[in-house]
Protein backbone atom coordinates (compact mmCIF):
# COMPACT_ATOMS: atom_id res chain seq x y z
CA MET A 1 -0.55 -0.14 -0.14
CA PRO A 2 1.04 3.46 -0.58
CA VAL A 3 1.81 5.49 2.62
CA VAL A 4 1.33 9.30 3.74
CA THR A 5 4.83 11.32 2.73
CA ASP A 6 3.14 15.02 3.49
CA LEU A 7 2.67 14.26 6.89
CA ASP A 8 2.04 17.93 7.87
CA SER A 9 -0.98 17.68 5.58
CA VAL A 10 -2.44 15.55 8.03
CA PRO A 11 -4.83 16.98 10.70
CA LEU A 12 -3.20 17.37 14.00
CA THR A 13 -6.94 16.23 15.82
CA PRO A 14 -8.76 13.71 16.05
CA VAL A 15 -5.72 11.34 17.25
CA TYR A 16 -7.69 8.04 17.61
CA THR A 17 -6.41 5.20 20.15
CA ILE A 18 -6.58 1.71 19.16
CA VAL A 19 -5.82 -0.84 21.89
CA ILE A 20 -5.30 -4.52 21.64
CA SER A 21 -5.91 -6.55 24.91
CA ALA A 22 -4.02 -9.46 25.94
CA ALA A 23 -6.83 -11.65 24.91
CA GLY A 24 -6.33 -10.21 21.42
CA ASP A 25 -9.77 -8.07 21.43
CA ALA A 26 -9.62 -4.22 19.89
CA THR A 27 -10.92 -1.64 20.65
CA VAL A 28 -11.32 1.66 18.86
CA ASP A 29 -11.83 4.76 21.23
CA GLY A 30 -12.76 2.50 24.02
CA GLU A 31 -15.68 1.08 21.91
CA GLN A 32 -15.34 -2.77 21.00
CA VAL A 33 -14.65 -3.81 17.61
CA GLU A 34 -16.36 -6.88 15.99
CA SER A 35 -13.90 -8.73 13.87
CA LEU A 36 -15.18 -10.72 10.95
CA PRO A 37 -14.77 -14.08 10.72
CA GLY A 38 -11.11 -15.46 10.25
CA GLN A 39 -9.98 -12.02 10.76
CA ASP A 40 -7.35 -10.63 13.84
CA ALA A 41 -8.02 -7.87 16.09
CA ARG A 42 -5.51 -5.31 14.12
CA THR A 43 -6.98 -5.61 11.13
CA SER A 44 -10.19 -5.11 12.28
CA ALA A 45 -9.60 -2.13 14.15
CA LEU A 46 -7.61 -0.51 11.08
CA ALA A 47 -10.30 -1.34 8.67
CA ASP A 48 -12.81 0.72 11.21
CA ILE A 49 -10.06 3.44 10.83
CA ARG A 50 -9.92 3.18 7.09
CA VAL A 51 -13.85 3.92 7.21
CA ARG A 52 -13.53 6.86 9.76
CA ALA A 53 -10.53 8.25 7.14
CA ALA A 54 -12.91 7.78 4.42
CA ARG A 55 -15.58 9.96 6.31
CA ARG A 56 -13.52 12.96 6.71
CA GLY A 57 -12.07 12.65 3.58
CA HIS A 58 -8.40 12.76 4.63
CA PRO A 59 -5.71 10.28 6.07
CA VAL A 60 -5.65 10.19 10.38
CA ARG A 61 -3.86 10.32 13.27
CA ILE A 62 -3.73 7.10 15.58
CA ASN A 63 -1.71 5.80 18.95
CA ALA A 64 -1.82 1.93 18.53
CA LYS A 65 -1.12 0.17 21.84
CA GLU A 66 0.02 -3.18 22.41
CA PRO A 67 -0.92 -5.84 25.16
CA ASP A 68 2.42 -5.03 26.62
CA GLY A 69 1.76 -1.26 26.65
CA SER A 70 4.17 -0.06 23.83
CA VAL A 71 2.46 2.21 21.50
CA TRP A 72 2.88 3.12 18.18
CA PRO A 73 1.77 6.07 16.63
CA LEU A 74 0.61 5.62 12.32
CA ILE A 75 -1.45 7.47 9.84
CA VAL A 76 -4.04 5.25 8.46
CA ASP A 77 -5.79 6.58 4.90
CA HIS A 78 -8.92 5.32 3.45
CA ASP A 79 -7.01 3.24 0.85
CA GLY A 80 -5.18 0.80 3.57
CA ALA A 81 -2.00 3.22 3.59
CA VAL A 82 -0.39 3.04 6.89
CA THR A 83 2.12 4.99 7.41
CA PRO A 84 4.28 4.56 10.94
CA LEU A 85 5.73 7.35 12.47
CA ASP A 86 9.20 7.63 14.40
CA ALA A 87 8.17 10.05 17.29
CA PRO A 88 4.59 10.63 18.76
CA HIS A 89 1.83 12.96 16.95
CA PRO A 90 2.69 16.74 17.81
CA VAL A 91 0.46 18.28 19.94
CA PRO A 92 -1.63 21.14 18.31
CA ALA A 93 -0.50 24.48 20.11
CA PRO A 94 -3.03 26.04 22.06
CA THR A 95 -5.35 28.10 21.11
CA PRO A 96 -5.40 31.59 22.67
CA SER A 97 -8.63 33.40 24.26
CA PRO A 98 -10.05 35.08 21.59
CA GLU A 99 -10.32 39.16 21.79
CA PRO A 100 -13.94 40.35 21.29
CA ALA A 101 -14.15 40.76 17.50
CA PRO A 102 -16.93 41.10 15.03
CA PRO A 103 -18.02 37.25 14.09
CA VAL A 104 -16.04 36.38 10.84
CA ILE A 105 -17.70 33.01 8.52
CA PRO A 106 -14.85 30.46 7.82
CA PRO A 107 -13.89 30.03 3.88
CA THR A 108 -14.50 26.34 4.40
CA HIS A 109 -16.93 23.88 6.05
CA PRO A 110 -15.68 20.52 7.27
CA LEU A 111 -16.46 17.73 5.30
CA GLU A 112 -19.46 15.75 5.88
CA PRO A 113 -19.57 12.47 7.11
CA LEU A 114 -20.97 9.57 4.44
CA ALA A 115 -24.34 9.25 4.64
CA PRO A 116 -24.97 5.66 5.70
CA HIS A 117 -25.91 4.09 2.90
CA HIS A 118 -22.89 5.15 1.29
CA ALA A 119 -21.03 4.08 4.31
CA ALA A 120 -22.51 0.50 3.94
CA VAL A 121 -21.15 0.47 0.27
CA LEU A 122 -17.61 1.51 1.80
CA GLY A 123 -17.65 -1.18 4.79
CA ARG A 124 -18.20 -3.49 1.59
CA VAL A 125 -15.10 -2.40 -0.67
CA VAL A 126 -13.23 -2.48 3.17
CA ALA A 127 -14.19 -5.91 4.01
CA ALA A 128 -13.90 -7.51 0.56
CA GLU A 129 -10.14 -6.08 0.42
CA LEU A 130 -9.36 -7.91 3.57
CA ARG A 131 -10.63 -10.90 2.32
CA GLY A 132 -8.14 -10.74 -0.59
CA ASP A 133 -11.35 -10.64 -2.83
CA LEU A 134 -9.99 -7.55 -5.35
CA ALA A 135 -12.19 -8.12 -7.64
CA GLY A 136 -14.91 -8.08 -5.43
CA ALA A 137 -13.83 -5.07 -3.78
CA ALA A 138 -13.35 -3.17 -7.16
CA VAL A 139 -17.15 -3.81 -8.19
CA ALA A 140 -18.20 -2.50 -4.77
CA ALA A 141 -15.77 0.60 -5.03
CA GLU A 142 -17.16 1.02 -8.65
CA GLU A 143 -20.57 0.81 -6.89
CA LEU A 144 -19.50 3.51 -4.69
CA GLU A 145 -18.24 6.04 -6.88
CA THR A 146 -20.77 5.91 -9.22
CA ALA A 147 -23.54 6.64 -6.62
CA LEU A 148 -21.58 9.53 -5.11
CA SER A 149 -21.21 10.90 -8.35
CA ALA A 150 -24.75 10.94 -9.14
CA GLU A 151 -25.80 12.37 -5.56
CA LEU A 152 -22.86 14.77 -4.49
CA GLY A 153 -21.23 15.20 -8.31
CA PRO A 154 -18.13 13.77 -9.59
CA PHE A 155 -15.70 16.68 -8.16
CA HIS A 156 -16.87 16.21 -4.73
CA PRO A 157 -14.02 14.57 -2.03
CA HIS A 158 -15.99 11.99 -1.13
CA THR A 159 -16.29 10.94 -5.09
CA LEU A 160 -12.77 11.66 -5.34
CA GLY A 161 -11.71 9.63 -2.35
CA ALA A 162 -14.12 6.57 -3.90
CA LEU A 163 -12.59 7.27 -7.79
CA GLY A 164 -9.06 7.25 -5.95
CA THR A 165 -9.62 3.80 -4.34
CA ARG A 166 -10.73 2.31 -7.65
CA ALA A 167 -7.97 3.14 -9.42
CA TRP A 168 -5.79 1.74 -6.70
CA LEU A 169 -7.50 -1.53 -6.62
CA SER A 170 -7.22 -1.60 -10.26
CA LEU A 171 -3.12 -1.52 -9.68
CA LEU A 172 -3.98 -4.69 -7.10
CA LEU A 173 -5.78 -6.71 -9.70
CA ARG A 174 -2.51 -5.80 -12.09
CA GLY A 175 -2.94 -7.19 -16.07
CA ASP A 176 -5.54 -4.88 -17.35
CA TRP A 177 -3.08 -1.75 -17.55
CA ALA A 178 -5.36 -0.05 -20.12
CA THR A 179 -8.35 0.37 -17.38
CA ALA A 180 -5.61 1.22 -14.75
CA THR A 181 -4.48 3.89 -16.69
CA ARG A 182 -7.80 5.95 -17.52
CA LEU A 183 -8.61 5.08 -13.93
CA HIS A 184 -5.25 7.36 -12.25
CA LEU A 185 -6.05 9.52 -15.30
CA LEU A 186 -8.98 10.20 -14.06
CA THR A 187 -8.49 10.75 -10.53
CA ALA A 188 -5.48 13.39 -11.16
CA GLU A 189 -7.15 15.43 -13.44
CA ARG A 190 -10.57 15.46 -11.15
CA ARG A 191 -8.65 15.77 -8.40
CA HIS A 192 -6.82 18.69 -10.25
CA GLN A 193 -10.01 20.55 -11.35
CA ALA A 194 -11.15 20.40 -8.37
CA GLY A 195 -8.39 21.99 -7.02
CA ALA A 196 -6.96 19.18 -5.02
CA ARG A 197 -3.12 19.98 -6.04
CA ASP A 198 -1.63 17.90 -3.24
CA ALA A 199 0.23 15.13 -2.84
CA GLU A 200 -2.56 12.69 -3.53
CA THR A 201 -3.46 14.49 -7.29
CA ARG A 202 0.80 13.88 -7.65
CA ARG A 203 0.76 10.62 -6.86
CA ALA A 204 -2.52 9.50 -9.01
CA ALA A 205 -0.55 11.25 -12.14
CA ARG A 206 2.70 8.83 -11.30
CA ASN A 207 -0.09 5.88 -10.91
CA ALA A 208 -0.80 6.36 -14.29
CA HIS A 209 2.64 7.06 -15.88
CA ALA A 210 3.54 3.34 -14.45
CA ALA A 211 0.52 1.88 -15.40
CA TRP A 212 1.04 3.30 -19.30
CA ALA A 213 4.44 2.28 -19.07
CA LEU A 214 2.94 -1.36 -18.08
CA LEU A 215 0.67 -2.00 -21.07
CA ARG A 216 3.34 -0.27 -23.58
CA THR A 217 4.79 -3.90 -22.77
CA THR A 218 1.52 -5.97 -23.44
CA ASP A 219 -0.27 -3.80 -26.04
CA PRO A 220 1.58 -1.01 -27.76
CA THR A 221 -0.80 0.20 -30.04
CA ALA A 222 -3.66 0.54 -26.71
CA ALA A 223 -0.69 2.39 -25.06
CA GLU A 224 -0.19 4.98 -27.99
CA ALA A 225 -3.98 5.58 -28.15
CA LEU A 226 -3.64 6.99 -24.76
CA ARG A 227 -0.51 8.86 -24.98
CA PRO A 228 -2.19 12.21 -25.36
CA GLU A 229 -4.57 12.08 -22.48
CA LEU A 230 -1.33 11.15 -20.58
CA GLY A 231 0.71 13.85 -21.56
CA ARG A 232 -1.90 16.06 -20.14
CA VAL A 233 -1.43 15.20 -16.87
CA ALA A 234 2.42 15.13 -17.40
CA HIS A 235 2.72 18.44 -15.33
CA LEU A 236 1.52 17.29 -11.89
CA THR A 237 3.66 14.43 -11.63
CA THR A 238 6.25 16.98 -9.41
């Protein structure tokens, strides 16, 4: 799985706490996590965190506490990327007492959680991937992206997140490099058009180039047909 490279872009709060007991159970912020059959507690807890990251629309911070008392600071993204940190999570600076001032309307608003019916489909994506059913996860991810696009629009952060998940799964499935190239191209272009000029956008563009390079080895004609589209996102790779 990919890792988060721009650590400063990850909000300092919330910091979720996963606790693994000596009995092998897991809690997230004190709430018991139910494991799927054949799935260990750590995997179940991380799946729970992935859903929370997807609902927020960005990677989240966690502290994973082991039965021996050790604590591992991690960053987890909706696509399963787990980034271990070599230092504890930064502590947010205290907010100074505000001086009286006219009310200010913030320029942006927090990303609303996924609606329950969409969260259920996302749960199917995560469960299928954890079972190793990548094809099933890809089908569910496409269903989620289609529904979110119809309801929220193709440039909404939730829709872009689902599209990014589809694109990543296309690489994991391997073989259909034309589809993988197109999905990563679409992800990069839509994120750029939505104003998301960030590390995730650059990664999608680089993944498009990587999938296209593999396509050239198996189907040069199809690769040449996609070359103009690839050129449109070339500036996003840096």
